[in-house]
Amino acid sequence: MQPFQLQHILPYLKEGYRFKSIHQPSILVKQSGDHVMVSSLNYHAKLSLEDFQIMYEATLFVLDEEEESTIDLEKDSEFYRWKQ
């Protein structure tokens, strides 16, 4: 699969596509509204689009073609409600 730079995946994130970083540890990214959900084995974050672009500008991504996402938005919201 061909890797893509961050600026090339932004329009596709808005359309609902998911991407994985090619660097280890791998991260999974998916856009949800005005935020980007970032997930790896030990890290989950909901970032503004601007923060995502700043933090991952040098990262290369490939399209994630797996059926199931590792980002569960409902569980993520439930976790943050519980933490408050």
N, C-alpha and C. Protein backbone atom coordinates (compact mmCIF):
# COMPACT_ATOMS: atom_id res chain seq x y z
N MET A 1 0.82 -1.19 0.00
CA MET A 1 0.00 0.00 0.00
C MET A 1 0.86 1.25 0.00
N GLN A 2 0.41 2.23 -0.71
CA GLN A 2 1.15 3.48 -0.82
C GLN A 2 0.90 4.34 0.42
N PRO A 3 1.98 4.82 1.06
CA PRO A 3 1.79 5.73 2.20
C PRO A 3 1.44 7.14 1.72
N PHE A 4 0.65 7.83 2.56
CA PHE A 4 0.20 9.19 2.25
C PHE A 4 0.66 10.15 3.34
N GLN A 5 0.97 11.36 2.93
CA GLN A 5 1.28 12.41 3.90
C GLN A 5 -0.02 12.94 4.49
N LEU A 6 0.10 13.58 5.63
CA LEU A 6 -1.05 14.06 6.37
C LEU A 6 -2.00 14.91 5.53
N GLN A 7 -1.47 15.87 4.79
CA GLN A 7 -2.34 16.77 4.04
C GLN A 7 -3.16 16.04 2.98
N HIS A 8 -2.69 14.87 2.53
CA HIS A 8 -3.43 14.10 1.53
C HIS A 8 -4.58 13.30 2.12
N ILE A 9 -4.51 12.96 3.41
CA ILE A 9 -5.59 12.14 3.99
C ILE A 9 -6.71 12.98 4.59
N LEU A 10 -6.49 14.26 4.83
CA LEU A 10 -7.49 15.10 5.50
C LEU A 10 -8.86 15.09 4.82
N PRO A 11 -8.96 15.24 3.49
CA PRO A 11 -10.28 15.19 2.86
C PRO A 11 -10.97 13.84 3.04
N TYR A 12 -10.19 12.77 3.06
CA TYR A 12 -10.75 11.43 3.19
C TYR A 12 -11.20 11.14 4.62
N LEU A 13 -10.50 11.72 5.60
CA LEU A 13 -10.95 11.59 6.99
C LEU A 13 -12.35 12.19 7.14
N LYS A 14 -12.59 13.33 6.50
CA LYS A 14 -13.89 13.99 6.57
C LYS A 14 -15.00 13.13 5.96
N GLU A 15 -14.62 12.28 5.00
CA GLU A 15 -15.60 11.40 4.35
C GLU A 15 -15.82 10.10 5.13
N GLY A 16 -15.09 9.91 6.23
CA GLY A 16 -15.30 8.74 7.07
C GLY A 16 -14.28 7.63 6.93
N TYR A 17 -13.27 7.83 6.10
CA TYR A 17 -12.22 6.82 5.97
C TYR A 17 -11.34 6.80 7.21
N ARG A 18 -10.77 5.63 7.50
CA ARG A 18 -9.82 5.49 8.61
C ARG A 18 -8.44 5.23 8.05
N PHE A 19 -7.44 5.71 8.77
CA PHE A 19 -6.06 5.52 8.35
C PHE A 19 -5.22 5.02 9.52
N LYS A 20 -4.15 4.29 9.17
CA LYS A 20 -3.17 3.82 10.16
C LYS A 20 -1.83 4.44 9.82
N SER A 21 -1.06 4.75 10.86
CA SER A 21 0.30 5.23 10.62
C SER A 21 1.16 4.04 10.23
N ILE A 22 2.21 4.31 9.46
CA ILE A 22 3.09 3.21 9.06
C ILE A 22 4.23 3.03 10.05
N HIS A 23 4.41 3.99 10.94
CA HIS A 23 5.47 3.91 11.94
C HIS A 23 4.98 3.20 13.18
N GLN A 24 5.90 2.55 13.88
CA GLN A 24 5.55 1.86 15.12
C GLN A 24 5.82 2.77 16.31
N PRO A 25 5.02 2.78 17.33
CA PRO A 25 3.77 2.04 17.42
C PRO A 25 2.71 2.65 16.51
N SER A 26 1.98 1.80 15.85
CA SER A 26 0.98 2.22 14.89
C SER A 26 -0.21 2.88 15.59
N ILE A 27 -0.74 3.92 14.96
CA ILE A 27 -1.95 4.57 15.47
C ILE A 27 -3.05 4.47 14.43
N LEU A 28 -4.27 4.46 14.89
CA LEU A 28 -5.44 4.46 14.03
C LEU A 28 -6.10 5.81 14.18
N VAL A 29 -6.48 6.45 13.06
CA VAL A 29 -7.11 7.76 13.12
C VAL A 29 -8.42 7.75 12.35
N LYS A 30 -9.40 8.46 12.91
CA LYS A 30 -10.72 8.58 12.30
C LYS A 30 -11.30 9.92 12.74
N GLN A 31 -11.93 10.62 11.82
CA GLN A 31 -12.53 11.90 12.16
C GLN A 31 -13.94 11.70 12.67
N SER A 32 -14.28 12.47 13.70
CA SER A 32 -15.61 12.45 14.29
C SER A 32 -16.03 13.90 14.49
N GLY A 33 -16.85 14.41 13.59
CA GLY A 33 -17.23 15.82 13.67
C GLY A 33 -16.03 16.71 13.40
N ASP A 34 -15.78 17.64 14.33
CA ASP A 34 -14.64 18.55 14.19
C ASP A 34 -13.38 18.02 14.85
N HIS A 35 -13.41 16.78 15.35
CA HIS A 35 -12.28 16.21 16.05
C HIS A 35 -11.77 14.96 15.34
N VAL A 36 -10.52 14.63 15.65
CA VAL A 36 -9.91 13.42 15.12
C VAL A 36 -9.65 12.49 16.31
N MET A 37 -10.14 11.28 16.19
CA MET A 37 -9.94 10.26 17.22
C MET A 37 -8.65 9.52 16.87
N VAL A 38 -7.74 9.47 17.83
CA VAL A 38 -6.45 8.81 17.64
C VAL A 38 -6.37 7.68 18.65
N SER A 39 -5.99 6.49 18.19
CA SER A 39 -5.97 5.34 19.09
C SER A 39 -4.79 4.44 18.76
N SER A 40 -4.16 3.94 19.82
CA SER A 40 -3.15 2.89 19.71
C SER A 40 -3.37 1.96 20.90
N LEU A 41 -2.48 1.03 21.10
CA LEU A 41 -2.67 0.08 22.19
C LEU A 41 -2.78 0.74 23.56
N ASN A 42 -1.96 1.74 23.82
CA ASN A 42 -1.92 2.36 25.14
C ASN A 42 -2.29 3.84 25.14
N TYR A 43 -2.91 4.30 24.07
CA TYR A 43 -3.16 5.73 23.95
C TYR A 43 -4.44 5.97 23.17
N HIS A 44 -5.30 6.81 23.71
CA HIS A 44 -6.52 7.23 23.02
C HIS A 44 -6.67 8.72 23.23
N ALA A 45 -6.99 9.43 22.16
CA ALA A 45 -7.14 10.88 22.28
C ALA A 45 -8.18 11.39 21.29
N LYS A 46 -8.84 12.45 21.69
CA LYS A 46 -9.77 13.17 20.83
C LYS A 46 -9.16 14.55 20.64
N LEU A 47 -8.64 14.78 19.44
CA LEU A 47 -7.89 16.00 19.16
C LEU A 47 -8.66 16.92 18.21
N SER A 48 -8.43 18.21 18.39
CA SER A 48 -8.96 19.14 17.39
C SER A 48 -8.21 18.88 16.09
N LEU A 49 -8.80 19.23 14.99
CA LEU A 49 -8.17 19.03 13.69
C LEU A 49 -6.82 19.76 13.63
N GLU A 50 -6.78 20.95 14.20
CA GLU A 50 -5.54 21.74 14.21
C GLU A 50 -4.45 21.05 15.03
N ASP A 51 -4.79 20.56 16.22
CA ASP A 51 -3.80 19.86 17.06
C ASP A 51 -3.33 18.58 16.38
N PHE A 52 -4.23 17.85 15.76
CA PHE A 52 -3.86 16.63 15.04
C PHE A 52 -2.85 16.94 13.94
N GLN A 53 -3.09 18.01 13.20
CA GLN A 53 -2.18 18.37 12.11
C GLN A 53 -0.80 18.75 12.64
N ILE A 54 -0.76 19.44 13.77
CA ILE A 54 0.52 19.84 14.36
C ILE A 54 1.28 18.62 14.88
N MET A 55 0.58 17.75 15.59
CA MET A 55 1.24 16.60 16.22
C MET A 55 1.69 15.53 15.23
N TYR A 56 0.96 15.37 14.14
CA TYR A 56 1.24 14.25 13.23
C TYR A 56 1.64 14.70 11.83
N GLU A 57 2.16 15.92 11.69
CA GLU A 57 2.49 16.44 10.37
C GLU A 57 3.57 15.64 9.65
N ALA A 58 4.47 15.00 10.37
CA ALA A 58 5.55 14.23 9.73
C ALA A 58 5.22 12.74 9.60
N THR A 59 4.02 12.34 9.98
CA THR A 59 3.63 10.94 9.98
C THR A 59 3.08 10.53 8.61
N LEU A 60 3.42 9.32 8.20
CA LEU A 60 2.87 8.76 6.96
C LEU A 60 1.77 7.77 7.33
N PHE A 61 0.72 7.74 6.51
CA PHE A 61 -0.46 6.92 6.79
C PHE A 61 -0.80 6.04 5.60
N VAL A 62 -1.47 4.92 5.90
CA VAL A 62 -2.06 4.07 4.87
C VAL A 62 -3.53 3.90 5.21
N LEU A 63 -4.33 3.62 4.20
CA LEU A 63 -5.75 3.40 4.40
C LEU A 63 -5.97 2.15 5.24
N ASP A 64 -6.84 2.24 6.25
CA ASP A 64 -7.16 1.09 7.10
C ASP A 64 -8.35 0.38 6.47
N GLU A 65 -8.13 -0.84 6.03
CA GLU A 65 -9.18 -1.59 5.35
C GLU A 65 -9.81 -2.65 6.23
N GLU A 66 -9.49 -2.66 7.51
CA GLU A 66 -10.10 -3.62 8.41
C GLU A 66 -11.55 -3.25 8.63
N GLU A 67 -12.38 -4.26 8.85
CA GLU A 67 -13.82 -4.05 9.04
C GLU A 67 -14.14 -3.32 10.34
N GLU A 68 -13.45 -3.70 11.42
CA GLU A 68 -13.80 -3.18 12.73
C GLU A 68 -12.80 -2.12 13.17
N SER A 69 -13.29 -1.04 13.72
CA SER A 69 -12.45 0.02 14.24
C SER A 69 -12.09 -0.28 15.69
N THR A 70 -10.86 0.08 16.08
CA THR A 70 -10.48 -0.09 17.48
C THR A 70 -10.91 1.12 18.30
N ILE A 71 -11.44 2.14 17.66
CA ILE A 71 -11.94 3.31 18.37
C ILE A 71 -13.43 3.12 18.57
N ASP A 72 -13.84 3.00 19.80
CA ASP A 72 -15.26 2.85 20.14
C ASP A 72 -15.71 4.17 20.75
N LEU A 73 -16.39 5.00 19.96
CA LEU A 73 -16.76 6.33 20.40
C LEU A 73 -17.67 6.30 21.62
N GLU A 74 -18.56 5.32 21.70
CA GLU A 74 -19.47 5.23 22.83
C GLU A 74 -18.70 4.91 24.12
N LYS A 75 -17.79 3.96 24.05
CA LYS A 75 -16.99 3.62 25.23
C LYS A 75 -16.08 4.78 25.61
N ASP A 76 -15.54 5.47 24.62
CA ASP A 76 -14.68 6.61 24.87
C ASP A 76 -15.44 7.70 25.63
N SER A 77 -16.64 8.02 25.19
CA SER A 77 -17.47 9.03 25.86
C SER A 77 -17.83 8.58 27.26
N GLU A 78 -18.18 7.31 27.40
CA GLU A 78 -18.54 6.76 28.71
C GLU A 78 -17.36 6.86 29.68
N PHE A 79 -16.16 6.57 29.19
CA PHE A 79 -14.96 6.64 30.02
C PHE A 79 -14.74 8.06 30.54
N TYR A 80 -14.85 9.05 29.66
CA TYR A 80 -14.60 10.43 30.08
C TYR A 80 -15.69 10.95 31.00
N ARG A 81 -16.92 10.49 30.83
CA ARG A 81 -17.98 10.86 31.78
C ARG A 81 -17.68 10.28 33.15
N TRP A 82 -17.20 9.05 33.18
CA TRP A 82 -16.87 8.38 34.42
C TRP A 82 -15.71 9.08 35.13
N LYS A 83 -14.75 9.57 34.37
CA LYS A 83 -13.55 10.20 34.92
C LYS A 83 -13.84 11.55 35.58
N GLN A 84 -14.93 12.20 35.19
CA GLN A 84 -15.21 13.55 35.71
C GLN A 84 -15.63 13.54 37.10
